[in-house]
C-alpha cells in the first residue's frame, strides 16, 4: 500500500469526526452568503483604494466569524479532507489546483497561509444539505506597505488560471 494511502486510512476516523463536528456547527447558506458579500465588498473597496489597509484589516477582523470550518496547513492534509468528504477525483483535482495556485502565490511572497474548508447548510423549503467552500487564508507580514498589500492581494486572487465566482466577486468582476 502506498504511503499516502496508508496515512489516509490511518487518519480517516479522526478526520471524519472533525468533519462531522464542523458540519454540526456550520452556518446556514444565508449566513454564509451574507458574510461572503461583506468580504467581497471590503476586499474590492481596498483594492480600489477606497479604504486604507488599516481600515481593511480592522473591518475584516470585525466581520462575523463563521463556525464550521476546518483548517489545514499542507496540501496533502487539505486533499485528504476533500477526499474524505467524498469529492469525485476530477473535481477534487480542480479544487486542489485552484486553491494551490492561490497558495503558491502566497508562499512566493514568503507569507504563511492555510487551506480552509468552510461548511454551510443549504436550507430550502424542501431540502437541507451541507455544502462546502474551499479557500485559503493568510495575513500580511508586518511592515508590508499599503501599495504592496494591494498588489499582493490582487495577485493572490488572480493566481488561478480560471477565476472562481468568489475570486471574481473580490475583484469586482460580475
C-alpha atoms as a PDB file:
ATOM      1  CA  UNK A   1       0.000   0.000   0.000  1.00  0.00           C
ATOM      2  CA  UNK A   2       1.303   3.424  -0.941  1.00  0.00           C
ATOM      3  CA  UNK A   3       2.378   5.646   1.967  1.00  0.00           C
ATOM      4  CA  UNK A   4      -0.173   8.396   1.215  1.00  0.00           C
ATOM      5  CA  UNK A   5      -2.984   5.829   1.043  1.00  0.00           C
ATOM      6  CA  UNK A   6      -1.824   4.285   4.337  1.00  0.00           C
ATOM      7  CA  UNK A   7      -1.711   7.714   6.018  1.00  0.00           C
ATOM      8  CA  UNK A   8      -5.175   8.494   4.643  1.00  0.00           C
ATOM      9  CA  UNK A   9      -6.625   5.281   6.068  1.00  0.00           C
ATOM     10  CA  UNK A  10      -4.921   5.739   9.440  1.00  0.00           C
ATOM     11  CA  UNK A  11      -6.102   9.322   9.864  1.00  0.00           C
ATOM     12  CA  UNK A  12      -9.564   8.870   8.323  1.00  0.00           C
ATOM     13  CA  UNK A  13     -11.510   8.106  11.530  1.00  0.00           C
ATOM     14  CA  UNK A  14     -10.210  11.234  13.292  1.00  0.00           C
ATOM     15  CA  UNK A  15     -10.749  13.338  10.171  1.00  0.00           C
ATOM     16  CA  UNK A  16     -14.343  12.124   9.813  1.00  0.00           C
ATOM     17  CA  UNK A  17     -15.049  13.143  13.418  1.00  0.00           C
ATOM     18  CA  UNK A  18     -13.668  16.634  12.693  1.00  0.00           C
ATOM     19  CA  UNK A  19     -15.756  16.868   9.516  1.00  0.00           C
ATOM     20  CA  UNK A  20     -18.963  15.873  11.323  1.00  0.00           C
ATOM     21  CA  UNK A  21     -18.211  18.325  14.150  1.00  0.00           C
ATOM     22  CA  UNK A  22     -17.710  21.151  11.646  1.00  0.00           C
ATOM     23  CA  UNK A  23     -20.917  20.253   9.818  1.00  0.00           C
ATOM     24  CA  UNK A  24     -22.855  20.317  13.092  1.00  0.00           C
ATOM     25  CA  UNK A  25     -21.994  23.969  13.746  1.00  0.00           C
ATOM     26  CA  UNK A  26     -21.944  25.141  10.128  1.00  0.00           C
ATOM     27  CA  UNK A  27     -23.742  28.394   9.333  1.00  0.00           C
ATOM     28  CA  UNK A  28     -26.767  28.482   7.054  1.00  0.00           C
ATOM     29  CA  UNK A  29     -26.326  29.432   3.426  1.00  0.00           C
ATOM     30  CA  UNK A  30     -27.898  32.814   4.280  1.00  0.00           C
ATOM     31  CA  UNK A  31     -25.292  33.496   6.978  1.00  0.00           C
ATOM     32  CA  UNK A  32     -22.514  32.275   4.688  1.00  0.00           C
ATOM     33  CA  UNK A  33     -23.711  34.402   1.745  1.00  0.00           C
ATOM     34  CA  UNK A  34     -24.052  37.494   3.947  1.00  0.00           C
ATOM     35  CA  UNK A  35     -20.506  37.056   5.261  1.00  0.00           C
ATOM     36  CA  UNK A  36     -19.090  36.487   1.780  1.00  0.00           C
ATOM     37  CA  UNK A  37     -20.845  39.560   0.354  1.00  0.00           C
ATOM     38  CA  UNK A  38     -19.386  41.672   3.169  1.00  0.00           C
ATOM     39  CA  UNK A  39     -15.956  40.190   2.488  1.00  0.00           C
ATOM     40  CA  UNK A  40     -16.251  40.820  -1.273  1.00  0.00           C
ATOM     41  CA  UNK A  41     -17.253  44.446  -0.782  1.00  0.00           C
ATOM     42  CA  UNK A  42     -14.462  45.024   1.715  1.00  0.00           C
ATOM     43  CA  UNK A  43     -11.779  43.421  -0.451  1.00  0.00           C
ATOM     44  CA  UNK A  44     -12.976  45.265  -3.531  1.00  0.00           C
ATOM     45  CA  UNK A  45     -13.004  48.606  -1.666  1.00  0.00           C
ATOM     46  CA  UNK A  46      -9.450  48.011  -0.519  1.00  0.00           C
ATOM     47  CA  UNK A  47      -8.229  47.004  -3.976  1.00  0.00           C
ATOM     48  CA  UNK A  48      -9.805  50.160  -5.471  1.00  0.00           C
ATOM     49  CA  UNK A  49      -8.064  52.326  -2.874  1.00  0.00           C
ATOM     50  CA  UNK A  50     -11.327  53.434  -1.282  1.00  0.00           C
ATOM     51  CA  UNK A  51     -10.130  52.322   2.168  1.00  0.00           C
ATOM     52  CA  UNK A  52      -6.679  52.009   3.736  1.00  0.00           C
ATOM     53  CA  UNK A  53      -5.051  48.723   4.685  1.00  0.00           C
ATOM     54  CA  UNK A  54      -5.600  49.626   8.343  1.00  0.00           C
ATOM     55  CA  UNK A  55      -9.340  50.084   7.691  1.00  0.00           C
ATOM     56  CA  UNK A  56      -9.409  46.877   5.640  1.00  0.00           C
ATOM     57  CA  UNK A  57      -7.749  44.788   8.341  1.00  0.00           C
ATOM     58  CA  UNK A  58      -9.808  46.358  11.124  1.00  0.00           C
ATOM     59  CA  UNK A  59     -13.117  45.857   9.317  1.00  0.00           C
ATOM     60  CA  UNK A  60     -12.154  42.341   8.256  1.00  0.00           C
ATOM     61  CA  UNK A  61     -11.462  41.458  11.905  1.00  0.00           C
ATOM     62  CA  UNK A  62     -14.904  42.817  12.824  1.00  0.00           C
ATOM     63  CA  UNK A  63     -16.736  40.630  10.307  1.00  0.00           C
ATOM     64  CA  UNK A  64     -18.717  37.889  11.951  1.00  0.00           C
ATOM     65  CA  UNK A  65     -16.585  34.780  12.177  1.00  0.00           C
ATOM     66  CA  UNK A  66     -18.229  31.674  10.806  1.00  0.00           C
ATOM     67  CA  UNK A  67     -18.223  28.373  12.629  1.00  0.00           C
ATOM     68  CA  UNK A  68     -17.969  25.089  10.812  1.00  0.00           C
ATOM     69  CA  UNK A  69     -14.571  25.460   9.169  1.00  0.00           C
ATOM     70  CA  UNK A  70     -11.593  23.129   9.119  1.00  0.00           C
ATOM     71  CA  UNK A  71      -8.067  24.438   8.632  1.00  0.00           C
ATOM     72  CA  UNK A  72      -5.134  22.561   7.066  1.00  0.00           C
ATOM     73  CA  UNK A  73      -1.515  23.639   6.840  1.00  0.00           C
ATOM     74  CA  UNK A  74      -0.486  21.436   3.912  1.00  0.00           C
ATOM     75  CA  UNK A  75      -1.875  20.494   0.522  1.00  0.00           C
ATOM     76  CA  UNK A  76      -1.845  16.743   1.346  1.00  0.00           C
ATOM     77  CA  UNK A  77      -3.939  17.363   4.503  1.00  0.00           C
ATOM     78  CA  UNK A  78      -6.358  19.530   2.508  1.00  0.00           C
ATOM     79  CA  UNK A  79      -6.536  16.859  -0.185  1.00  0.00           C
ATOM     80  CA  UNK A  80      -7.275  14.115   2.377  1.00  0.00           C
ATOM     81  CA  UNK A  81     -10.110  16.190   3.816  1.00  0.00           C
ATOM     82  CA  UNK A  82     -11.694  16.798   0.423  1.00  0.00           C
ATOM     83  CA  UNK A  83     -11.294  13.127  -0.421  1.00  0.00           C
ATOM     84  CA  UNK A  84     -12.912  12.135   2.886  1.00  0.00           C
ATOM     85  CA  UNK A  85     -15.815  14.483   2.155  1.00  0.00           C
ATOM     86  CA  UNK A  86     -16.330  12.470  -1.000  1.00  0.00           C
ATOM     87  CA  UNK A  87     -15.423  14.691  -3.926  1.00  0.00           C
ATOM     88  CA  UNK A  88     -15.090  12.884  -7.258  1.00  0.00           C
ATOM     89  CA  UNK A  89     -11.476  12.663  -8.436  1.00  0.00           C
ATOM     90  CA  UNK A  90     -11.859  15.176 -11.300  1.00  0.00           C
ATOM     91  CA  UNK A  91     -13.500  17.837  -9.114  1.00  0.00           C
ATOM     92  CA  UNK A  92     -11.004  17.136  -6.324  1.00  0.00           C
ATOM     93  CA  UNK A  93      -8.134  17.782  -8.726  1.00  0.00           C
ATOM     94  CA  UNK A  94      -9.745  21.021  -9.961  1.00  0.00           C
ATOM     95  CA  UNK A  95     -10.225  22.320  -6.410  1.00  0.00           C
ATOM     96  CA  UNK A  96      -6.693  21.379  -5.374  1.00  0.00           C
ATOM     97  CA  UNK A  97      -5.164  23.027  -8.454  1.00  0.00           C
ATOM     98  CA  UNK A  98      -7.230  26.195  -7.961  1.00  0.00           C
ATOM     99  CA  UNK A  99      -6.556  26.651  -4.245  1.00  0.00           C
ATOM    100  CA  UNK A 100      -2.922  25.634  -4.613  1.00  0.00           C
ATOM    101  CA  UNK A 101      -2.450  28.338  -7.267  1.00  0.00           C
ATOM    102  CA  UNK A 102      -3.530  30.861  -4.628  1.00  0.00           C
ATOM    103  CA  UNK A 103      -1.239  29.221  -2.042  1.00  0.00           C
ATOM    104  CA  UNK A 104       1.759  29.156  -4.376  1.00  0.00           C
ATOM    105  CA  UNK A 105       1.413  32.905  -4.894  1.00  0.00           C
ATOM    106  CA  UNK A 106       1.059  33.432  -1.126  1.00  0.00           C
ATOM    107  CA  UNK A 107       4.215  31.422  -0.456  1.00  0.00           C
ATOM    108  CA  UNK A 108       6.101  33.206  -3.253  1.00  0.00           C
ATOM    109  CA  UNK A 109       5.850  36.314  -1.067  1.00  0.00           C
ATOM    110  CA  UNK A 110       7.138  34.465   1.993  1.00  0.00           C
ATOM    111  CA  UNK A 111       3.692  34.535   3.585  1.00  0.00           C
ATOM    112  CA  UNK A 112       2.375  31.575   5.553  1.00  0.00           C
ATOM    113  CA  UNK A 113      -1.117  30.527   4.586  1.00  0.00           C
ATOM    114  CA  UNK A 114      -3.580  27.779   5.383  1.00  0.00           C
ATOM    115  CA  UNK A 115      -6.176  25.870   3.414  1.00  0.00           C
ATOM    116  CA  UNK A 116      -9.760  26.063   4.689  1.00  0.00           C
ATOM    117  CA  UNK A 117     -12.900  24.028   4.157  1.00  0.00           C
ATOM    118  CA  UNK A 118     -15.945  26.052   5.204  1.00  0.00           C
ATOM    119  CA  UNK A 119     -19.135  24.037   5.597  1.00  0.00           C
ATOM    120  CA  UNK A 120     -22.534  25.683   5.345  1.00  0.00           C
ATOM    121  CA  UNK A 121     -26.082  24.368   5.482  1.00  0.00           C
ATOM    122  CA  UNK A 122     -28.177  24.942   2.391  1.00  0.00           C
ATOM    123  CA  UNK A 123     -31.727  25.332   3.576  1.00  0.00           C
ATOM    124  CA  UNK A 124     -34.630  25.397   1.169  1.00  0.00           C
ATOM    125  CA  UNK A 125     -38.298  24.674   1.664  1.00  0.00           C
ATOM    126  CA  UNK A 126     -37.855  21.044   0.674  1.00  0.00           C
ATOM    127  CA  UNK A 127     -34.199  20.185   1.290  1.00  0.00           C
ATOM    128  CA  UNK A 128     -31.419  20.506   3.798  1.00  0.00           C
ATOM    129  CA  UNK A 129     -27.929  19.779   2.609  1.00  0.00           C
ATOM    130  CA  UNK A 130     -24.355  20.556   3.558  1.00  0.00           C
ATOM    131  CA  UNK A 131     -22.188  22.424   1.071  1.00  0.00           C
ATOM    132  CA  UNK A 132     -18.558  23.391   1.300  1.00  0.00           C
ATOM    133  CA  UNK A 133     -16.473  26.330   0.236  1.00  0.00           C
ATOM    134  CA  UNK A 134     -12.722  25.686  -0.077  1.00  0.00           C
ATOM    135  CA  UNK A 135     -10.396  28.655   0.261  1.00  0.00           C
ATOM    136  CA  UNK A 136      -7.034  29.840   1.533  1.00  0.00           C
ATOM    137  CA  UNK A 137      -6.317  32.158   4.424  1.00  0.00           C
ATOM    138  CA  UNK A 138      -3.285  34.336   5.154  1.00  0.00           C
ATOM    139  CA  UNK A 139      -2.159  37.601   6.668  1.00  0.00           C
ATOM    140  CA  UNK A 140       0.325  40.217   5.552  1.00  0.00           C
ATOM    141  CA  UNK A 141       3.725  40.403   7.244  1.00  0.00           C
ATOM    142  CA  UNK A 142       4.316  43.402   9.498  1.00  0.00           C
ATOM    143  CA  UNK A 143       5.915  46.198   7.544  1.00  0.00           C
ATOM    144  CA  UNK A 144       4.187  45.463   4.241  1.00  0.00           C
ATOM    145  CA  UNK A 145       3.291  48.796   2.679  1.00  0.00           C
ATOM    146  CA  UNK A 146      -0.186  49.771   1.570  1.00  0.00           C
ATOM    147  CA  UNK A 147       0.789  49.607  -2.106  1.00  0.00           C
ATOM    148  CA  UNK A 148       2.432  46.197  -1.651  1.00  0.00           C
ATOM    149  CA  UNK A 149      -0.628  44.819   0.154  1.00  0.00           C
ATOM    150  CA  UNK A 150      -2.929  45.854  -2.687  1.00  0.00           C
ATOM    151  CA  UNK A 151      -0.605  44.399  -5.316  1.00  0.00           C
ATOM    152  CA  UNK A 152      -0.034  41.156  -3.400  1.00  0.00           C
ATOM    153  CA  UNK A 153      -3.722  40.679  -2.603  1.00  0.00           C
ATOM    154  CA  UNK A 154      -4.703  41.224  -6.244  1.00  0.00           C
ATOM    155  CA  UNK A 155      -2.012  38.820  -7.446  1.00  0.00           C
ATOM    156  CA  UNK A 156      -3.095  36.157  -4.952  1.00  0.00           C
ATOM    157  CA  UNK A 157      -6.727  36.433  -6.006  1.00  0.00           C
ATOM    158  CA  UNK A 158      -5.780  36.352  -9.711  1.00  0.00           C
ATOM    159  CA  UNK A 159      -3.331  33.429  -9.346  1.00  0.00           C
ATOM    160  CA  UNK A 160      -5.513  30.584 -10.703  1.00  0.00           C
ATOM    161  CA  UNK A 161      -5.839  30.262 -14.461  1.00  0.00           C
ATOM    162  CA  UNK A 162      -9.632  30.109 -14.146  1.00  0.00           C
ATOM    163  CA  UNK A 163     -11.008  32.541 -11.572  1.00  0.00           C
ATOM    164  CA  UNK A 164     -13.840  31.264  -9.413  1.00  0.00           C
ATOM    165  CA  UNK A 165     -17.059  33.155  -8.813  1.00  0.00           C
ATOM    166  CA  UNK A 166     -15.658  34.163  -5.411  1.00  0.00           C
ATOM    167  CA  UNK A 167     -12.371  35.374  -6.924  1.00  0.00           C
ATOM    168  CA  UNK A 168     -14.274  37.493  -9.444  1.00  0.00           C
ATOM    169  CA  UNK A 169     -16.519  38.973  -6.762  1.00  0.00           C
ATOM    170  CA  UNK A 170     -13.496  40.064  -4.710  1.00  0.00           C
ATOM    171  CA  UNK A 171     -12.095  41.765  -7.793  1.00  0.00           C
ATOM    172  CA  UNK A 172     -15.433  43.425  -8.553  1.00  0.00           C
ATOM    173  CA  UNK A 173     -15.907  41.420 -11.750  1.00  0.00           C
ATOM    174  CA  UNK A 174     -19.526  40.455 -12.304  1.00  0.00           C
END
